[in-house]
């Protein structure tokens, strides 16, 4: 299956906040997104973690 479920973790508090899917054949590297963290109460960088 090309589409796999991934999770995003906040780089500040390390909590897993978001889930998404990605095509691992087209995107081989780890994703980074600037998302809102409800525990930090601010927009922080969220990185893809190991499932």
C-alpha atoms as a PDB file:
ATOM      1  CA  UNK A   1       0.000   0.000   0.000  1.00  0.00           C
ATOM      2  CA  UNK A   2       1.483   3.321  -1.050  1.00  0.00           C
ATOM      3  CA  UNK A   3      -0.530   5.506   1.370  1.00  0.00           C
ATOM      4  CA  UNK A   4       0.541   5.091   5.000  1.00  0.00           C
ATOM      5  CA  UNK A   5      -0.735   6.744   8.158  1.00  0.00           C
ATOM      6  CA  UNK A   6       1.780   9.069   9.827  1.00  0.00           C
ATOM      7  CA  UNK A   7       1.706  11.084  13.058  1.00  0.00           C
ATOM      8  CA  UNK A   8       3.105  14.524  13.777  1.00  0.00           C
ATOM      9  CA  UNK A   9       4.735  15.464  17.089  1.00  0.00           C
ATOM     10  CA  UNK A  10       5.414  18.941  18.446  1.00  0.00           C
ATOM     11  CA  UNK A  11       9.122  19.763  18.544  1.00  0.00           C
ATOM     12  CA  UNK A  12       8.700  21.767  21.769  1.00  0.00           C
ATOM     13  CA  UNK A  13       6.676  19.457  24.038  1.00  0.00           C
ATOM     14  CA  UNK A  14       7.034  16.190  22.017  1.00  0.00           C
ATOM     15  CA  UNK A  15       3.276  15.415  22.164  1.00  0.00           C
ATOM     16  CA  UNK A  16       1.622  13.648  19.246  1.00  0.00           C
ATOM     17  CA  UNK A  17      -1.057  16.058  18.037  1.00  0.00           C
ATOM     18  CA  UNK A  18      -1.903  15.349  14.406  1.00  0.00           C
ATOM     19  CA  UNK A  19      -2.311  12.373  12.075  1.00  0.00           C
ATOM     20  CA  UNK A  20      -2.247  12.328   8.296  1.00  0.00           C
ATOM     21  CA  UNK A  21      -1.381  10.079   5.392  1.00  0.00           C
ATOM     22  CA  UNK A  22       1.336  10.323   2.794  1.00  0.00           C
ATOM     23  CA  UNK A  23       2.468   8.470  -0.289  1.00  0.00           C
ATOM     24  CA  UNK A  24       5.835   7.003   0.708  1.00  0.00           C
ATOM     25  CA  UNK A  25       6.787   6.291  -2.902  1.00  0.00           C
ATOM     26  CA  UNK A  26       6.627   9.989  -3.831  1.00  0.00           C
ATOM     27  CA  UNK A  27       7.697  11.500  -0.490  1.00  0.00           C
ATOM     28  CA  UNK A  28      10.604   9.578   1.002  1.00  0.00           C
ATOM     29  CA  UNK A  29      11.791  12.168   3.542  1.00  0.00           C
ATOM     30  CA  UNK A  30      10.168  13.150   6.816  1.00  0.00           C
ATOM     31  CA  UNK A  31       7.523  15.878   6.689  1.00  0.00           C
ATOM     32  CA  UNK A  32       7.556  19.054   8.784  1.00  0.00           C
ATOM     33  CA  UNK A  33       4.545  21.305   9.239  1.00  0.00           C
ATOM     34  CA  UNK A  34       3.931  24.412  11.306  1.00  0.00           C
ATOM     35  CA  UNK A  35       0.766  23.542  13.259  1.00  0.00           C
ATOM     36  CA  UNK A  36      -1.021  24.741  16.385  1.00  0.00           C
ATOM     37  CA  UNK A  37      -0.136  22.877  19.587  1.00  0.00           C
ATOM     38  CA  UNK A  38      -2.897  23.070  22.180  1.00  0.00           C
ATOM     39  CA  UNK A  39      -0.496  22.291  25.038  1.00  0.00           C
ATOM     40  CA  UNK A  40       2.062  24.948  24.057  1.00  0.00           C
ATOM     41  CA  UNK A  41      -0.710  27.411  23.060  1.00  0.00           C
ATOM     42  CA  UNK A  42       1.196  28.521  19.978  1.00  0.00           C
ATOM     43  CA  UNK A  43       2.087  27.520  16.438  1.00  0.00           C
ATOM     44  CA  UNK A  44       5.174  25.299  16.497  1.00  0.00           C
ATOM     45  CA  UNK A  45       6.965  23.031  14.042  1.00  0.00           C
ATOM     46  CA  UNK A  46       5.569  19.495  14.040  1.00  0.00           C
ATOM     47  CA  UNK A  47       7.724  16.689  12.624  1.00  0.00           C
ATOM     48  CA  UNK A  48       6.722  13.290  11.328  1.00  0.00           C
ATOM     49  CA  UNK A  49       7.385  10.518  13.862  1.00  0.00           C
ATOM     50  CA  UNK A  50       7.839   6.783  13.606  1.00  0.00           C
ATOM     51  CA  UNK A  51       4.541   4.942  13.698  1.00  0.00           C
END
